[in-house]
Amino acid sequence: MVLTNGTSVFTLGDATAFDGQGGTEFVSAQSFAGELPLKIEAAVPFAVVRAGYADLDMSFTIPACLMSAGFLLMALHYVRRSRVPAFDLERAIARGQIKPYYQPVINLRTGELVGCEVLCRWEKRNGEVVPPGAFIDYAEVTGLAIPMTLSLMQQVKFDSGELCRQMPDLKVSINLFEGHFHDGSIIEDVQAIFGNSPIAYRQLVF
């Protein structure tokens, strides 16, 4: 209990850990005594609170594990049924066979080219072109979408650098995947690829 000016009235229990000196996590609450200049603050160690809900914690943990196992089985089932043979896509990315295709973005009022969206196709050595619908979902499930995007960005830098230099208002749109938002390294990757390129950051759309 303290006065509203910070003067301590009395303390029950050991307050040193709660003051940040012990490194213990707390669940805390505070309340003011109406018009009186008093503030009451109470705190309980998080470990004590958690121990009181051990049964509830277990009742959530077991269903979460079962749901995770079910999701993993579904993902494995999807991969097995995929039209993409195992490891083929990984080799294709390493060989640079995932190529950027540029879909133009046109200003309908002026008819001018204002940008492009980077799409991708898998160009195999035998000349076959695989549409993205056959491998994009597979790439996302297996985590290959991230190295695939990095490969595309490298190619975009070399393909579009001079055009972006000549057209400073041109926008280049690159699609990202859910996995990119779980890993902050995408920011460093963009900086490493485009940092010293003719393509300015303001010309990139993600």
N, C-alpha and C. Protein backbone atom coordinates (compact mmCIF):
# COMPACT_ATOMS: atom_id res chain seq x y z
N MET A 1 0.86 -1.18 0.00
CA MET A 1 0.00 0.00 0.00
C MET A 1 0.90 1.24 0.00
N VAL A 2 0.60 2.19 -0.89
CA VAL A 2 1.38 3.42 -0.97
C VAL A 2 0.44 4.60 -1.12
N LEU A 3 0.93 5.77 -0.75
CA LEU A 3 0.20 6.98 -1.07
C LEU A 3 0.37 7.29 -2.55
N THR A 4 -0.52 8.09 -3.08
CA THR A 4 -0.44 8.37 -4.51
C THR A 4 0.80 9.17 -4.89
N ASN A 5 1.48 9.74 -3.90
CA ASN A 5 2.73 10.44 -4.21
C ASN A 5 3.94 9.51 -4.16
N GLY A 6 3.68 8.19 -3.91
CA GLY A 6 4.75 7.20 -3.91
C GLY A 6 5.25 6.81 -2.55
N THR A 7 4.79 7.46 -1.48
CA THR A 7 5.25 7.15 -0.12
C THR A 7 4.65 5.82 0.32
N SER A 8 5.49 4.91 0.76
CA SER A 8 5.03 3.59 1.17
C SER A 8 4.32 3.65 2.51
N VAL A 9 3.17 2.97 2.61
CA VAL A 9 2.43 2.88 3.87
C VAL A 9 2.80 1.57 4.57
N PHE A 10 2.62 0.44 3.91
CA PHE A 10 3.14 -0.82 4.43
C PHE A 10 3.20 -1.84 3.30
N THR A 11 4.02 -2.86 3.51
CA THR A 11 4.22 -3.92 2.53
C THR A 11 4.04 -5.26 3.21
N LEU A 12 3.27 -6.13 2.59
CA LEU A 12 3.06 -7.47 3.11
C LEU A 12 3.74 -8.46 2.18
N GLY A 13 4.69 -9.23 2.68
CA GLY A 13 5.43 -10.16 1.85
C GLY A 13 6.72 -9.54 1.34
N ASP A 14 7.46 -10.30 0.53
CA ASP A 14 8.75 -9.86 0.00
C ASP A 14 8.53 -9.14 -1.32
N ALA A 15 8.77 -7.84 -1.35
CA ALA A 15 8.51 -7.04 -2.55
C ALA A 15 9.75 -6.84 -3.41
N THR A 16 10.90 -7.34 -2.97
CA THR A 16 12.14 -7.07 -3.71
C THR A 16 12.11 -7.70 -5.09
N ALA A 17 11.58 -8.93 -5.21
CA ALA A 17 11.52 -9.59 -6.52
C ALA A 17 10.56 -8.86 -7.45
N PHE A 18 9.43 -8.40 -6.89
CA PHE A 18 8.46 -7.69 -7.71
C PHE A 18 8.98 -6.34 -8.17
N ASP A 19 9.90 -5.76 -7.44
CA ASP A 19 10.50 -4.48 -7.83
C ASP A 19 11.50 -4.64 -8.96
N GLY A 20 11.64 -5.87 -9.48
CA GLY A 20 12.52 -6.09 -10.62
C GLY A 20 13.92 -6.52 -10.24
N GLN A 21 14.15 -6.85 -8.98
CA GLN A 21 15.48 -7.22 -8.54
C GLN A 21 15.71 -8.73 -8.56
N GLY A 22 14.63 -9.51 -8.67
CA GLY A 22 14.81 -10.96 -8.60
C GLY A 22 14.64 -11.69 -9.91
N GLY A 23 14.16 -11.03 -10.95
CA GLY A 23 13.99 -11.66 -12.25
C GLY A 23 12.80 -12.59 -12.35
N THR A 24 11.89 -12.57 -11.36
CA THR A 24 10.72 -13.44 -11.37
C THR A 24 9.56 -12.74 -12.09
N GLU A 25 8.79 -13.52 -12.87
CA GLU A 25 7.62 -12.97 -13.55
C GLU A 25 6.42 -12.99 -12.60
N PHE A 26 5.62 -11.92 -12.65
CA PHE A 26 4.48 -11.79 -11.74
C PHE A 26 3.20 -11.50 -12.53
N VAL A 27 2.09 -11.91 -11.93
CA VAL A 27 0.76 -11.44 -12.35
C VAL A 27 0.36 -10.40 -11.32
N SER A 28 0.07 -9.18 -11.77
CA SER A 28 -0.17 -8.10 -10.80
C SER A 28 -1.42 -7.31 -11.16
N ALA A 29 -1.93 -6.58 -10.16
CA ALA A 29 -3.08 -5.68 -10.34
C ALA A 29 -2.96 -4.55 -9.34
N GLN A 30 -3.57 -3.42 -9.65
CA GLN A 30 -3.54 -2.29 -8.72
C GLN A 30 -4.90 -1.60 -8.70
N SER A 31 -5.18 -0.92 -7.60
CA SER A 31 -6.47 -0.24 -7.44
C SER A 31 -6.28 0.98 -6.54
N PHE A 32 -7.09 2.00 -6.81
CA PHE A 32 -7.05 3.22 -5.99
C PHE A 32 -8.25 3.24 -5.04
N ALA A 33 -8.04 3.81 -3.85
CA ALA A 33 -9.08 3.80 -2.82
C ALA A 33 -10.01 4.99 -2.98
N GLY A 34 -10.74 5.02 -4.06
CA GLY A 34 -11.72 6.08 -4.27
C GLY A 34 -11.09 7.46 -4.22
N GLU A 35 -11.62 8.34 -3.35
CA GLU A 35 -11.11 9.69 -3.23
C GLU A 35 -9.90 9.79 -2.30
N LEU A 36 -9.61 8.70 -1.58
CA LEU A 36 -8.45 8.72 -0.68
C LEU A 36 -7.16 8.59 -1.48
N PRO A 37 -6.09 9.23 -1.03
CA PRO A 37 -4.83 9.20 -1.77
C PRO A 37 -4.05 7.91 -1.51
N LEU A 38 -4.71 6.77 -1.72
CA LEU A 38 -4.09 5.47 -1.47
C LEU A 38 -4.13 4.60 -2.73
N LYS A 39 -3.07 3.87 -2.92
CA LYS A 39 -3.03 2.90 -4.02
C LYS A 39 -2.60 1.55 -3.47
N ILE A 40 -3.36 0.51 -3.83
CA ILE A 40 -3.05 -0.86 -3.40
C ILE A 40 -2.56 -1.62 -4.64
N GLU A 41 -1.45 -2.29 -4.49
CA GLU A 41 -0.93 -3.11 -5.59
C GLU A 41 -0.63 -4.50 -5.04
N ALA A 42 -1.14 -5.52 -5.74
CA ALA A 42 -0.92 -6.91 -5.33
C ALA A 42 -0.29 -7.67 -6.48
N ALA A 43 0.58 -8.62 -6.15
CA ALA A 43 1.28 -9.39 -7.17
C ALA A 43 1.48 -10.82 -6.68
N VAL A 44 1.36 -11.76 -7.62
CA VAL A 44 1.58 -13.18 -7.34
C VAL A 44 2.55 -13.72 -8.37
N PRO A 45 3.55 -14.48 -7.97
CA PRO A 45 4.47 -15.07 -8.96
C PRO A 45 3.71 -15.89 -9.99
N PHE A 46 4.10 -15.73 -11.24
CA PHE A 46 3.42 -16.43 -12.33
C PHE A 46 3.46 -17.94 -12.13
N ALA A 47 4.56 -18.45 -11.59
CA ALA A 47 4.69 -19.90 -11.39
C ALA A 47 3.64 -20.41 -10.42
N VAL A 48 3.30 -19.60 -9.41
CA VAL A 48 2.28 -20.00 -8.44
C VAL A 48 0.91 -20.05 -9.10
N VAL A 49 0.63 -19.05 -9.94
CA VAL A 49 -0.66 -19.03 -10.64
C VAL A 49 -0.76 -20.21 -11.59
N ARG A 50 0.31 -20.47 -12.33
CA ARG A 50 0.29 -21.58 -13.30
C ARG A 50 0.08 -22.91 -12.59
N ALA A 51 0.71 -23.09 -11.43
CA ALA A 51 0.56 -24.34 -10.70
C ALA A 51 -0.90 -24.58 -10.31
N GLY A 52 -1.63 -23.49 -10.04
CA GLY A 52 -3.03 -23.64 -9.67
C GLY A 52 -3.92 -24.04 -10.83
N TYR A 53 -3.41 -23.90 -12.05
CA TYR A 53 -4.20 -24.25 -13.24
C TYR A 53 -3.56 -25.40 -14.00
N ALA A 54 -2.83 -26.26 -13.29
CA ALA A 54 -2.11 -27.36 -13.95
C ALA A 54 -3.06 -28.28 -14.71
N ASP A 55 -4.22 -28.59 -14.10
CA ASP A 55 -5.18 -29.48 -14.77
C ASP A 55 -5.71 -28.84 -16.05
N LEU A 56 -6.03 -27.54 -15.97
CA LEU A 56 -6.53 -26.85 -17.16
C LEU A 56 -5.45 -26.79 -18.24
N ASP A 57 -4.21 -26.56 -17.81
CA ASP A 57 -3.09 -26.51 -18.76
C ASP A 57 -2.97 -27.83 -19.51
N MET A 58 -3.09 -28.95 -18.78
CA MET A 58 -2.99 -30.26 -19.41
C MET A 58 -4.15 -30.51 -20.36
N SER A 59 -5.35 -30.03 -19.98
CA SER A 59 -6.52 -30.26 -20.83
C SER A 59 -6.41 -29.51 -22.16
N PHE A 60 -5.61 -28.42 -22.21
CA PHE A 60 -5.37 -27.72 -23.47
C PHE A 60 -4.19 -28.31 -24.22
N THR A 61 -3.20 -28.78 -23.48
CA THR A 61 -1.98 -29.29 -24.13
C THR A 61 -2.27 -30.55 -24.94
N ILE A 62 -3.04 -31.47 -24.37
CA ILE A 62 -3.32 -32.73 -25.08
C ILE A 62 -4.06 -32.49 -26.39
N PRO A 63 -5.19 -31.72 -26.40
CA PRO A 63 -5.84 -31.46 -27.69
C PRO A 63 -4.93 -30.74 -28.68
N ALA A 64 -4.07 -29.80 -28.18
CA ALA A 64 -3.17 -29.09 -29.08
C ALA A 64 -2.20 -30.05 -29.73
N CYS A 65 -1.68 -31.02 -28.97
CA CYS A 65 -0.76 -32.02 -29.53
C CYS A 65 -1.47 -32.88 -30.58
N LEU A 66 -2.71 -33.28 -30.28
CA LEU A 66 -3.46 -34.10 -31.23
C LEU A 66 -3.73 -33.33 -32.52
N MET A 67 -4.08 -32.06 -32.40
CA MET A 67 -4.35 -31.25 -33.59
C MET A 67 -3.08 -31.06 -34.40
N SER A 68 -1.93 -30.85 -33.73
CA SER A 68 -0.66 -30.69 -34.44
C SER A 68 -0.29 -31.96 -35.18
N ALA A 69 -0.50 -33.11 -34.52
CA ALA A 69 -0.21 -34.40 -35.17
C ALA A 69 -1.10 -34.59 -36.38
N GLY A 70 -2.38 -34.22 -36.26
CA GLY A 70 -3.29 -34.35 -37.39
C GLY A 70 -2.88 -33.47 -38.56
N PHE A 71 -2.45 -32.24 -38.25
CA PHE A 71 -2.00 -31.34 -39.30
C PHE A 71 -0.77 -31.89 -40.00
N LEU A 72 0.17 -32.47 -39.21
CA LEU A 72 1.38 -33.04 -39.79
C LEU A 72 1.04 -34.20 -40.72
N LEU A 73 0.10 -35.06 -40.30
CA LEU A 73 -0.30 -36.18 -41.15
C LEU A 73 -0.94 -35.69 -42.45
N MET A 74 -1.76 -34.65 -42.35
CA MET A 74 -2.38 -34.10 -43.56
C MET A 74 -1.33 -33.52 -44.50
N ALA A 75 -0.32 -32.82 -43.93
CA ALA A 75 0.74 -32.24 -44.76
C ALA A 75 1.54 -33.33 -45.45
N LEU A 76 1.87 -34.40 -44.71
CA LEU A 76 2.62 -35.50 -45.32
C LEU A 76 1.79 -36.18 -46.40
N HIS A 77 0.49 -36.33 -46.14
CA HIS A 77 -0.39 -36.93 -47.15
C HIS A 77 -0.44 -36.08 -48.41
N TYR A 78 -0.49 -34.75 -48.23
CA TYR A 78 -0.52 -33.86 -49.38
C TYR A 78 0.78 -33.95 -50.18
N VAL A 79 1.91 -33.98 -49.45
CA VAL A 79 3.20 -34.04 -50.14
C VAL A 79 3.32 -35.34 -50.94
N ARG A 80 2.84 -36.44 -50.36
CA ARG A 80 2.93 -37.72 -51.06
C ARG A 80 2.09 -37.70 -52.34
N ARG A 81 0.95 -37.01 -52.30
CA ARG A 81 0.06 -36.97 -53.47
C ARG A 81 0.45 -35.88 -54.45
N SER A 82 1.41 -35.06 -54.08
CA SER A 82 1.79 -33.93 -54.93
C SER A 82 2.34 -34.42 -56.26
N ARG A 83 2.12 -33.62 -57.28
CA ARG A 83 2.66 -33.95 -58.60
C ARG A 83 4.14 -33.64 -58.70
N VAL A 84 4.71 -33.07 -57.67
CA VAL A 84 6.13 -32.72 -57.68
C VAL A 84 6.92 -33.84 -57.00
N PRO A 85 7.78 -34.56 -57.72
CA PRO A 85 8.59 -35.60 -57.08
C PRO A 85 9.49 -35.01 -56.01
N ALA A 86 9.76 -35.82 -54.98
CA ALA A 86 10.59 -35.36 -53.88
C ALA A 86 11.94 -34.85 -54.37
N PHE A 87 12.34 -33.73 -53.83
CA PHE A 87 13.64 -33.10 -54.08
C PHE A 87 13.77 -32.45 -55.46
N ASP A 88 12.84 -32.70 -56.38
CA ASP A 88 12.96 -32.11 -57.71
C ASP A 88 12.90 -30.58 -57.64
N LEU A 89 11.98 -30.07 -56.85
CA LEU A 89 11.84 -28.62 -56.76
C LEU A 89 13.07 -27.99 -56.12
N GLU A 90 13.61 -28.64 -55.10
CA GLU A 90 14.81 -28.11 -54.45
C GLU A 90 15.96 -28.02 -55.44
N ARG A 91 16.12 -29.05 -56.27
CA ARG A 91 17.18 -29.02 -57.28
C ARG A 91 16.90 -27.94 -58.32
N ALA A 92 15.63 -27.78 -58.67
CA ALA A 92 15.27 -26.77 -59.68
C ALA A 92 15.61 -25.37 -59.19
N ILE A 93 15.37 -25.11 -57.91
CA ILE A 93 15.71 -23.79 -57.34
C ILE A 93 17.21 -23.58 -57.38
N ALA A 94 17.96 -24.61 -56.99
CA ALA A 94 19.42 -24.49 -56.97
C ALA A 94 19.98 -24.28 -58.37
N ARG A 95 19.33 -24.83 -59.38
CA ARG A 95 19.81 -24.71 -60.76
C ARG A 95 19.28 -23.45 -61.45
N GLY A 96 18.47 -22.67 -60.75
CA GLY A 96 17.93 -21.46 -61.35
C GLY A 96 16.84 -21.72 -62.38
N GLN A 97 16.12 -22.84 -62.25
CA GLN A 97 15.08 -23.18 -63.21
C GLN A 97 13.74 -22.52 -62.88
N ILE A 98 13.61 -21.94 -61.68
CA ILE A 98 12.39 -21.19 -61.35
C ILE A 98 12.59 -19.77 -61.87
N LYS A 99 11.89 -19.43 -62.93
CA LYS A 99 12.13 -18.18 -63.64
C LYS A 99 11.04 -17.15 -63.35
N PRO A 100 11.42 -15.88 -63.26
CA PRO A 100 10.41 -14.83 -63.09
C PRO A 100 9.71 -14.52 -64.41
N TYR A 101 8.41 -14.42 -64.36
CA TYR A 101 7.60 -13.96 -65.49
C TYR A 101 6.96 -12.64 -65.06
N TYR A 102 7.06 -11.63 -65.89
CA TYR A 102 6.65 -10.29 -65.49
C TYR A 102 5.29 -9.94 -66.09
N GLN A 103 4.31 -9.80 -65.21
CA GLN A 103 2.96 -9.41 -65.64
C GLN A 103 2.84 -7.90 -65.55
N PRO A 104 2.64 -7.21 -66.66
CA PRO A 104 2.63 -5.74 -66.63
C PRO A 104 1.43 -5.18 -65.87
N VAL A 105 1.66 -4.05 -65.23
CA VAL A 105 0.60 -3.28 -64.57
C VAL A 105 0.46 -1.98 -65.35
N ILE A 106 -0.74 -1.73 -65.89
CA ILE A 106 -0.97 -0.61 -66.79
C ILE A 106 -1.91 0.40 -66.13
N ASN A 107 -1.61 1.68 -66.27
CA ASN A 107 -2.51 2.74 -65.86
C ASN A 107 -3.62 2.83 -66.90
N LEU A 108 -4.85 2.49 -66.53
CA LEU A 108 -5.94 2.43 -67.51
C LEU A 108 -6.33 3.81 -68.03
N ARG A 109 -6.01 4.85 -67.29
CA ARG A 109 -6.35 6.19 -67.77
C ARG A 109 -5.38 6.69 -68.83
N THR A 110 -4.10 6.37 -68.65
CA THR A 110 -3.08 6.89 -69.58
C THR A 110 -2.54 5.83 -70.53
N GLY A 111 -2.76 4.55 -70.20
CA GLY A 111 -2.21 3.48 -71.02
C GLY A 111 -0.72 3.26 -70.79
N GLU A 112 -0.15 3.90 -69.78
CA GLU A 112 1.29 3.79 -69.53
C GLU A 112 1.61 2.60 -68.63
N LEU A 113 2.79 2.05 -68.84
CA LEU A 113 3.29 1.00 -67.98
C LEU A 113 3.73 1.62 -66.66
N VAL A 114 3.16 1.16 -65.54
CA VAL A 114 3.51 1.73 -64.24
C VAL A 114 4.19 0.71 -63.33
N GLY A 115 4.22 -0.53 -63.76
CA GLY A 115 4.87 -1.53 -62.91
C GLY A 115 4.67 -2.93 -63.45
N CYS A 116 5.05 -3.90 -62.64
CA CYS A 116 4.87 -5.29 -63.02
C CYS A 116 4.79 -6.15 -61.76
N GLU A 117 4.11 -7.27 -61.89
CA GLU A 117 4.06 -8.25 -60.82
C GLU A 117 4.94 -9.43 -61.23
N VAL A 118 5.79 -9.86 -60.31
CA VAL A 118 6.71 -10.97 -60.60
C VAL A 118 5.99 -12.28 -60.32
N LEU A 119 5.70 -13.01 -61.39
CA LEU A 119 5.15 -14.36 -61.28
C LEU A 119 6.29 -15.35 -61.50
N CYS A 120 6.04 -16.63 -61.38
CA CYS A 120 7.12 -17.59 -61.59
C CYS A 120 6.64 -18.80 -62.38
N ARG A 121 7.55 -19.36 -63.12
CA ARG A 121 7.34 -20.60 -63.86
C ARG A 121 8.56 -21.49 -63.66
N TRP A 122 8.32 -22.78 -63.73
CA TRP A 122 9.40 -23.76 -63.61
C TRP A 122 9.77 -24.21 -65.03
N GLU A 123 10.91 -23.76 -65.49
CA GLU A 123 11.37 -24.13 -66.83
C GLU A 123 12.35 -25.29 -66.72
N LYS A 124 11.90 -26.48 -67.09
CA LYS A 124 12.75 -27.66 -66.97
C LYS A 124 13.75 -27.72 -68.12
N ARG A 125 14.76 -28.56 -67.94
CA ARG A 125 15.81 -28.67 -68.95
C ARG A 125 15.30 -29.21 -70.28
N ASN A 126 14.23 -30.01 -70.23
CA ASN A 126 13.68 -30.57 -71.46
C ASN A 126 12.74 -29.60 -72.19
N GLY A 127 12.65 -28.36 -71.68
CA GLY A 127 11.81 -27.35 -72.32
C GLY A 127 10.41 -27.26 -71.75
N GLU A 128 10.03 -28.19 -70.92
CA GLU A 128 8.69 -28.16 -70.32
C GLU A 128 8.59 -26.99 -69.35
N VAL A 129 7.48 -26.27 -69.42
CA VAL A 129 7.21 -25.17 -68.50
C VAL A 129 6.09 -25.58 -67.55
N VAL A 130 6.40 -25.64 -66.27
CA VAL A 130 5.44 -26.08 -65.27
C VAL A 130 4.75 -24.85 -64.67
N PRO A 131 3.43 -24.79 -64.71
CA PRO A 131 2.71 -23.63 -64.15
C PRO A 131 2.82 -23.62 -62.62
N PRO A 132 2.68 -22.45 -62.00
CA PRO A 132 2.87 -22.35 -60.55
C PRO A 132 1.87 -23.18 -59.74
N GLY A 133 0.68 -23.40 -60.28
CA GLY A 133 -0.30 -24.18 -59.54
C GLY A 133 0.15 -25.58 -59.21
N ALA A 134 1.15 -26.08 -59.95
CA ALA A 134 1.63 -27.45 -59.74
C ALA A 134 2.69 -27.54 -58.65
N PHE A 135 3.25 -26.39 -58.22
CA PHE A 135 4.34 -26.50 -57.24
C PHE A 135 4.33 -25.43 -56.14
N ILE A 136 3.52 -24.39 -56.25
CA ILE A 136 3.52 -23.33 -55.24
C ILE A 136 3.10 -23.86 -53.88
N ASP A 137 1.98 -24.61 -53.83
CA ASP A 137 1.53 -25.14 -52.53
C ASP A 137 2.57 -26.08 -51.93
N TYR A 138 3.17 -26.89 -52.78
CA TYR A 138 4.21 -27.81 -52.33
C TYR A 138 5.38 -27.03 -51.75
N ALA A 139 5.77 -25.95 -52.42
CA ALA A 139 6.89 -25.14 -51.95
C ALA A 139 6.59 -24.54 -50.59
N GLU A 140 5.34 -24.12 -50.37
CA GLU A 140 4.99 -23.50 -49.09
C GLU A 140 4.98 -24.54 -47.97
N VAL A 141 4.43 -25.73 -48.26
CA VAL A 141 4.36 -26.78 -47.24
C VAL A 141 5.75 -27.24 -46.82
N THR A 142 6.67 -27.34 -47.77
CA THR A 142 8.01 -27.86 -47.49
C THR A 142 9.00 -26.80 -47.04
N GLY A 143 8.61 -25.52 -47.07
CA GLY A 143 9.53 -24.45 -46.69
C GLY A 143 10.43 -23.98 -47.82
N LEU A 144 10.26 -24.54 -49.03
CA LEU A 144 11.09 -24.15 -50.16
C LEU A 144 10.67 -22.82 -50.76
N ALA A 145 9.52 -22.29 -50.31
CA ALA A 145 9.06 -21.01 -50.85
C ALA A 145 10.04 -19.89 -50.54
N ILE A 146 10.73 -19.99 -49.41
CA ILE A 146 11.66 -18.92 -49.03
C ILE A 146 12.89 -18.88 -49.94
N PRO A 147 13.64 -20.00 -50.12
CA PRO A 147 14.76 -19.93 -51.07
C PRO A 147 14.30 -19.67 -52.51
N MET A 148 13.10 -20.10 -52.85
CA MET A 148 12.58 -19.83 -54.19
C MET A 148 12.37 -18.33 -54.39
N THR A 149 11.83 -17.64 -53.38
CA THR A 149 11.62 -16.20 -53.48
C THR A 149 12.96 -15.46 -53.56
N LEU A 150 13.96 -15.91 -52.79
CA LEU A 150 15.27 -15.28 -52.84
C LEU A 150 15.89 -15.42 -54.23
N SER A 151 15.73 -16.60 -54.85
CA SER A 151 16.24 -16.81 -56.19
C SER A 151 15.55 -15.89 -57.19
N LEU A 152 14.24 -15.74 -57.04
CA LEU A 152 13.48 -14.85 -57.94
C LEU A 152 13.94 -13.41 -57.77
N MET A 153 14.15 -12.98 -56.53
CA MET A 153 14.56 -11.59 -56.29
C MET A 153 15.94 -11.32 -56.90
N GLN A 154 16.83 -12.30 -56.82
CA GLN A 154 18.15 -12.14 -57.45
C GLN A 154 18.01 -11.95 -58.96
N GLN A 155 17.13 -12.74 -59.58
CA GLN A 155 16.93 -12.63 -61.01
C GLN A 155 16.25 -11.32 -61.39
N VAL A 156 15.32 -10.88 -60.54
CA VAL A 156 14.64 -9.60 -60.78
C VAL A 156 15.66 -8.46 -60.78
N LYS A 157 16.62 -8.52 -59.87
CA LYS A 157 17.63 -7.47 -59.79
C LYS A 157 18.40 -7.35 -61.11
N PHE A 158 18.77 -8.49 -61.70
CA PHE A 158 19.53 -8.45 -62.95
C PHE A 158 18.64 -8.16 -64.16
N ASP A 159 17.39 -8.67 -64.13
CA ASP A 159 16.49 -8.47 -65.27
C ASP A 159 16.00 -7.03 -65.37
N SER A 160 15.64 -6.44 -64.23
CA SER A 160 14.89 -5.18 -64.24
C SER A 160 15.69 -3.98 -63.76
N GLY A 161 16.95 -4.19 -63.38
CA GLY A 161 17.73 -3.10 -62.82
C GLY A 161 17.83 -1.90 -63.74
N GLU A 162 18.20 -2.11 -64.98
CA GLU A 162 18.39 -0.99 -65.90
C GLU A 162 17.05 -0.32 -66.23
N LEU A 163 15.99 -1.13 -66.38
CA LEU A 163 14.68 -0.56 -66.67
C LEU A 163 14.21 0.32 -65.50
N CYS A 164 14.44 -0.15 -64.26
CA CYS A 164 14.04 0.63 -63.09
C CYS A 164 14.87 1.90 -62.96
N ARG A 165 16.12 1.85 -63.44
CA ARG A 165 16.95 3.06 -63.42
C ARG A 165 16.39 4.09 -64.39
N GLN A 166 15.96 3.63 -65.57
CA GLN A 166 15.43 4.54 -66.59
C GLN A 166 14.02 5.03 -66.24
N MET A 167 13.27 4.21 -65.47
CA MET A 167 11.90 4.57 -65.10
C MET A 167 11.80 4.58 -63.57
N PRO A 168 12.21 5.64 -62.92
CA PRO A 168 12.27 5.67 -61.45
C PRO A 168 10.92 5.55 -60.76
N ASP A 169 9.82 5.73 -61.50
CA ASP A 169 8.50 5.58 -60.89
C ASP A 169 7.92 4.17 -61.08
N LEU A 170 8.65 3.31 -61.75
CA LEU A 170 8.19 1.94 -62.00
C LEU A 170 8.16 1.15 -60.69
N LYS A 171 7.09 0.37 -60.48
CA LYS A 171 6.95 -0.45 -59.28
C LYS A 171 7.07 -1.93 -59.65
N VAL A 172 7.85 -2.66 -58.87
CA VAL A 172 8.03 -4.09 -59.07
C VAL A 172 7.41 -4.82 -57.87
N SER A 173 6.38 -5.63 -58.13
CA SER A 173 5.66 -6.32 -57.06
C SER A 173 6.15 -7.76 -56.94
N ILE A 174 6.52 -8.14 -55.71
CA ILE A 174 7.03 -9.48 -55.44
C ILE A 174 6.16 -10.12 -54.36
N ASN A 175 5.67 -11.32 -54.64
CA ASN A 175 4.79 -12.01 -53.70
C ASN A 175 5.60 -12.69 -52.59
N LEU A 176 5.13 -12.54 -51.36
CA LEU A 176 5.73 -13.22 -50.22
C LEU A 176 4.77 -14.30 -49.71
N PHE A 177 5.31 -15.21 -48.91
CA PHE A 177 4.53 -16.31 -48.36
C PHE A 177 4.39 -16.14 -46.85
N GLU A 178 3.51 -16.93 -46.28
CA GLU A 178 3.29 -16.85 -44.83
C GLU A 178 4.59 -17.06 -44.06
N GLY A 179 5.42 -17.98 -44.54
CA GLY A 179 6.67 -18.27 -43.85
C GLY A 179 7.59 -17.07 -43.72
N HIS A 180 7.50 -16.13 -44.66
CA HIS A 180 8.35 -14.95 -44.59
C HIS A 180 8.03 -14.08 -43.37
N PHE A 181 6.78 -14.15 -42.91
CA PHE A 181 6.37 -13.30 -41.80
C PHE A 181 6.66 -13.96 -40.45
N HIS A 182 7.16 -15.20 -40.48
CA HIS A 182 7.60 -15.86 -39.25
C HIS A 182 9.10 -15.69 -39.05
N ASP A 183 9.76 -15.12 -40.04
CA ASP A 183 11.22 -15.02 -40.00
C ASP A 183 11.62 -13.63 -40.46
N GLY A 184 12.13 -12.81 -39.53
CA GLY A 184 12.48 -11.44 -39.86
C GLY A 184 13.65 -11.31 -40.81
N SER A 185 14.28 -12.42 -41.19
CA SER A 185 15.44 -12.34 -42.08
C SER A 185 15.07 -11.86 -43.47
N ILE A 186 13.77 -11.85 -43.81
CA ILE A 186 13.37 -11.37 -45.13
C ILE A 186 13.80 -9.91 -45.31
N ILE A 187 13.82 -9.14 -44.22
CA ILE A 187 14.23 -7.74 -44.31
C ILE A 187 15.70 -7.65 -44.68
N GLU A 188 16.53 -8.45 -43.99
CA GLU A 188 17.96 -8.45 -44.30
C GLU A 188 18.21 -8.98 -45.72
N ASP A 189 17.41 -9.96 -46.15
CA ASP A 189 17.58 -10.51 -47.50
C ASP A 189 17.29 -9.45 -48.56
N VAL A 190 16.21 -8.69 -48.36
CA VAL A 190 15.86 -7.63 -49.32
C VAL A 190 16.97 -6.58 -49.36
N GLN A 191 17.49 -6.22 -48.19
CA GLN A 191 18.56 -5.23 -48.14
C GLN A 191 19.82 -5.74 -48.82
N ALA A 192 20.13 -7.03 -48.61
CA ALA A 192 21.34 -7.59 -49.20
C ALA A 192 21.24 -7.67 -50.72
N ILE A 193 20.05 -7.97 -51.24
CA ILE A 193 19.88 -8.15 -52.68
C ILE A 193 19.74 -6.81 -53.40
N PHE A 194 18.90 -5.92 -52.87
CA PHE A 194 18.58 -4.69 -53.59
C PHE A 194 19.32 -3.46 -53.05
N GLY A 195 20.10 -3.63 -51.97
CA GLY A 195 20.73 -2.48 -51.34
C GLY A 195 21.62 -1.69 -52.27
N ASN A 196 22.42 -2.35 -53.09
CA ASN A 196 23.33 -1.65 -54.00
C ASN A 196 22.94 -1.85 -55.47
N SER A 197 21.66 -2.07 -55.70
CA SER A 197 21.19 -2.32 -57.06
C SER A 197 20.55 -1.06 -57.64
N PRO A 198 20.32 -1.03 -58.95
CA PRO A 198 19.64 0.13 -59.55
C PRO A 198 18.17 0.24 -59.13
N ILE A 199 17.62 -0.82 -58.52
CA ILE A 199 16.22 -0.80 -58.10
C ILE A 199 16.14 -0.19 -56.69
N ALA A 200 15.49 0.95 -56.58
CA ALA A 200 15.36 1.62 -55.28
C ALA A 200 14.33 0.90 -54.42
N TYR A 201 14.49 1.03 -53.10
CA TYR A 201 13.53 0.40 -52.19
C TYR A 201 12.11 0.88 -52.45
N ARG A 202 11.95 2.15 -52.80
CA ARG A 202 10.60 2.70 -53.02
C ARG A 202 9.95 2.15 -54.28
N GLN A 203 10.74 1.45 -55.12
CA GLN A 203 10.18 0.82 -56.32
C GLN A 203 9.72 -0.61 -56.06
N LEU A 204 9.96 -1.11 -54.87
CA LEU A 204 9.58 -2.49 -54.51
C LEU A 204 8.24 -2.52 -53.79
N VAL A 205 7.41 -3.44 -54.20
CA VAL A 205 6.11 -3.65 -53.57
C VAL A 205 6.03 -5.14 -53.18
N PHE A 206 5.71 -5.40 -51.91
CA PHE A 206 5.65 -6.80 -51.45
C PHE A 206 4.23 -7.15 -51.02
